[in-house]
């Protein structure tokens, strides 16, 4: 009985994995390019080149701090 439950569980997981690989479950691609599926380039500070979520000057550049 236990072997049957484990076998059915593993088959169910394998089916879900196949659906996930084929994108049949309607996974949205928010923020991605529709054609290539690539993520957009990260925004950087125009002055120092650090990663910045807002895209403008980072906190260190606004304060005039080097670190």
N, C-alpha and C. Protein backbone atom coordinates (compact mmCIF):
# COMPACT_ATOMS: atom_id res chain seq x y z
N UNK A 1 0.82 -1.19 0.00
CA UNK A 1 0.00 0.00 0.00
C UNK A 1 0.87 1.26 0.00
N UNK A 2 1.91 1.24 0.81
CA UNK A 2 2.80 2.40 0.91
C UNK A 2 3.55 2.61 -0.41
N UNK A 3 3.93 1.54 -1.04
CA UNK A 3 4.64 1.63 -2.33
C UNK A 3 3.75 2.25 -3.40
N UNK A 4 2.46 1.93 -3.38
CA UNK A 4 1.52 2.49 -4.34
C UNK A 4 1.37 4.01 -4.12
N UNK A 5 1.30 4.44 -2.88
CA UNK A 5 1.17 5.87 -2.57
C UNK A 5 2.41 6.63 -3.01
N UNK A 6 3.57 6.10 -2.73
CA UNK A 6 4.82 6.76 -3.11
C UNK A 6 4.94 6.82 -4.64
N UNK A 7 4.57 5.75 -5.32
CA UNK A 7 4.64 5.73 -6.78
C UNK A 7 3.70 6.76 -7.39
N UNK A 8 2.47 6.85 -6.90
CA UNK A 8 1.53 7.84 -7.41
C UNK A 8 1.99 9.27 -7.12
N UNK A 9 2.58 9.48 -5.97
CA UNK A 9 3.12 10.80 -5.63
C UNK A 9 4.24 11.19 -6.60
N UNK A 10 5.15 10.29 -6.87
CA UNK A 10 6.26 10.58 -7.77
C UNK A 10 5.77 10.81 -9.21
N UNK A 11 4.78 10.07 -9.63
CA UNK A 11 4.20 10.29 -10.97
C UNK A 11 3.54 11.66 -11.03
N UNK A 12 2.82 12.03 -9.98
CA UNK A 12 2.19 13.35 -9.94
C UNK A 12 3.20 14.48 -9.98
N UNK A 13 4.30 14.35 -9.26
CA UNK A 13 5.36 15.35 -9.28
C UNK A 13 5.99 15.44 -10.67
N UNK A 14 6.18 14.30 -11.32
CA UNK A 14 6.77 14.30 -12.67
C UNK A 14 5.83 14.99 -13.66
N UNK A 15 4.53 14.78 -13.54
CA UNK A 15 3.57 15.44 -14.43
C UNK A 15 3.59 16.94 -14.20
N UNK A 16 3.62 17.39 -12.96
CA UNK A 16 3.71 18.83 -12.67
C UNK A 16 5.00 19.43 -13.22
N UNK A 17 6.09 18.70 -13.13
CA UNK A 17 7.36 19.20 -13.68
C UNK A 17 7.29 19.34 -15.19
N UNK A 18 6.63 18.41 -15.87
CA UNK A 18 6.48 18.51 -17.33
C UNK A 18 5.61 19.72 -17.70
N UNK A 19 4.53 19.95 -16.95
CA UNK A 19 3.70 21.12 -17.21
C UNK A 19 4.48 22.40 -16.99
N UNK A 20 5.30 22.44 -15.98
CA UNK A 20 6.11 23.63 -15.70
C UNK A 20 7.14 23.88 -16.79
N UNK A 21 7.73 22.83 -17.31
CA UNK A 21 8.71 22.98 -18.40
C UNK A 21 8.06 23.49 -19.68
N UNK A 22 6.83 23.08 -19.93
CA UNK A 22 6.14 23.46 -21.15
C UNK A 22 5.36 24.76 -21.00
N UNK A 23 5.36 25.36 -19.81
CA UNK A 23 4.67 26.61 -19.52
C UNK A 23 3.17 26.50 -19.78
N UNK A 24 2.59 25.36 -19.47
CA UNK A 24 1.16 25.16 -19.68
C UNK A 24 0.33 25.72 -18.53
N UNK A 25 0.95 25.99 -17.41
CA UNK A 25 0.19 26.44 -16.25
C UNK A 25 -0.04 27.94 -16.25
N UNK A 26 0.29 28.64 -17.33
CA UNK A 26 0.00 30.06 -17.43
C UNK A 26 0.93 30.94 -16.61
N UNK A 27 2.15 30.54 -16.45
CA UNK A 27 3.11 31.35 -15.71
C UNK A 27 3.33 32.66 -16.44
N UNK A 28 3.12 33.76 -15.76
CA UNK A 28 3.27 35.06 -16.42
C UNK A 28 4.74 35.46 -16.47
N UNK A 29 5.09 36.18 -17.49
CA UNK A 29 6.45 36.64 -17.68
C UNK A 29 6.49 38.16 -17.49
N UNK A 30 6.16 38.59 -16.32
CA UNK A 30 6.11 40.02 -16.03
C UNK A 30 7.53 40.57 -16.04
N UNK A 31 7.73 41.65 -16.78
CA UNK A 31 9.03 42.29 -16.83
C UNK A 31 9.99 41.67 -17.82
N UNK A 32 9.53 40.73 -18.60
CA UNK A 32 10.42 40.08 -19.55
C UNK A 32 10.03 40.44 -20.97
N UNK A 33 11.00 40.34 -21.86
CA UNK A 33 10.73 40.57 -23.27
C UNK A 33 9.91 39.39 -23.78
N UNK A 34 8.84 39.66 -24.49
CA UNK A 34 7.93 38.60 -24.94
C UNK A 34 8.59 37.66 -25.94
N UNK A 35 9.44 38.17 -26.82
CA UNK A 35 10.01 37.33 -27.87
C UNK A 35 11.11 36.42 -27.34
N UNK A 36 12.08 36.99 -26.64
CA UNK A 36 13.23 36.18 -26.22
C UNK A 36 13.09 35.64 -24.81
N UNK A 37 12.22 36.23 -23.98
CA UNK A 37 12.07 35.78 -22.62
C UNK A 37 13.18 36.30 -21.71
N UNK A 38 13.98 37.26 -22.19
CA UNK A 38 15.10 37.76 -21.41
C UNK A 38 14.62 38.82 -20.42
N UNK A 39 15.32 38.91 -19.31
CA UNK A 39 15.04 39.93 -18.32
C UNK A 39 15.58 41.28 -18.78
N UNK A 40 14.98 42.38 -18.36
CA UNK A 40 15.51 43.69 -18.74
C UNK A 40 16.86 43.94 -18.08
N UNK A 41 17.67 44.83 -18.67
CA UNK A 41 18.97 45.15 -18.10
C UNK A 41 18.78 45.88 -16.78
N UNK A 42 19.64 45.61 -15.79
CA UNK A 42 19.50 46.29 -14.50
C UNK A 42 19.86 47.77 -14.62
N UNK A 43 19.19 48.59 -13.82
CA UNK A 43 19.46 50.02 -13.83
C UNK A 43 20.69 50.29 -12.99
N UNK A 44 21.51 51.21 -13.46
CA UNK A 44 22.73 51.57 -12.73
C UNK A 44 22.77 53.07 -12.51
N UNK A 45 23.57 53.48 -11.55
CA UNK A 45 23.77 54.89 -11.25
C UNK A 45 24.57 55.51 -12.40
N UNK A 46 24.14 56.65 -12.95
CA UNK A 46 24.87 57.24 -14.07
C UNK A 46 26.24 57.78 -13.68
N UNK A 47 26.45 58.04 -12.38
CA UNK A 47 27.72 58.63 -11.95
C UNK A 47 28.77 57.58 -11.59
N UNK A 48 28.39 56.61 -10.76
CA UNK A 48 29.40 55.65 -10.29
C UNK A 48 29.22 54.25 -10.88
N UNK A 49 28.06 53.93 -11.46
CA UNK A 49 27.86 52.63 -12.09
C UNK A 49 27.36 51.55 -11.16
N UNK A 50 27.03 51.90 -9.92
CA UNK A 50 26.49 50.90 -8.99
C UNK A 50 25.08 50.50 -9.40
N UNK A 51 24.66 49.30 -9.00
CA UNK A 51 23.29 48.86 -9.27
C UNK A 51 22.33 49.71 -8.45
N UNK A 52 21.22 50.11 -9.09
CA UNK A 52 20.27 50.99 -8.44
C UNK A 52 18.88 50.64 -8.94
N UNK A 53 17.93 50.43 -8.04
CA UNK A 53 16.57 50.07 -8.45
C UNK A 53 15.84 51.23 -9.11
N UNK A 54 16.15 52.46 -8.73
CA UNK A 54 15.43 53.61 -9.24
C UNK A 54 15.98 54.13 -10.56
N UNK A 55 17.23 53.87 -10.86
CA UNK A 55 17.80 54.29 -12.13
C UNK A 55 18.49 55.64 -12.09
N UNK A 56 18.21 56.46 -11.09
CA UNK A 56 18.84 57.77 -10.97
C UNK A 56 20.14 57.66 -10.17
N UNK A 57 20.61 58.79 -9.63
CA UNK A 57 21.81 58.74 -8.80
C UNK A 57 21.57 57.91 -7.54
N UNK A 58 22.56 57.14 -7.15
CA UNK A 58 22.40 56.30 -5.97
C UNK A 58 22.53 57.14 -4.71
N UNK A 59 22.28 56.54 -3.57
CA UNK A 59 22.30 57.25 -2.30
C UNK A 59 23.69 57.81 -2.00
N UNK A 60 24.72 57.06 -2.33
CA UNK A 60 26.08 57.53 -2.04
C UNK A 60 26.45 58.72 -2.91
N UNK A 61 25.99 58.76 -4.16
CA UNK A 61 26.31 59.88 -5.05
C UNK A 61 25.51 61.13 -4.67
N UNK A 62 24.29 60.94 -4.18
CA UNK A 62 23.49 62.10 -3.77
C UNK A 62 24.09 62.78 -2.57
N UNK A 63 24.68 62.00 -1.65
CA UNK A 63 25.26 62.56 -0.44
C UNK A 63 26.69 63.01 -0.68
N UNK A 64 27.29 62.62 -1.80
CA UNK A 64 28.69 62.96 -2.04
C UNK A 64 29.65 62.04 -1.32
N UNK A 65 29.16 60.88 -0.92
CA UNK A 65 29.97 59.92 -0.19
C UNK A 65 30.63 58.96 -1.16
N UNK A 66 31.84 58.51 -0.84
CA UNK A 66 32.54 57.57 -1.72
C UNK A 66 32.29 56.12 -1.35
N UNK A 67 31.63 55.85 -0.29
CA UNK A 67 31.48 54.48 0.12
C UNK A 67 30.18 54.19 0.66
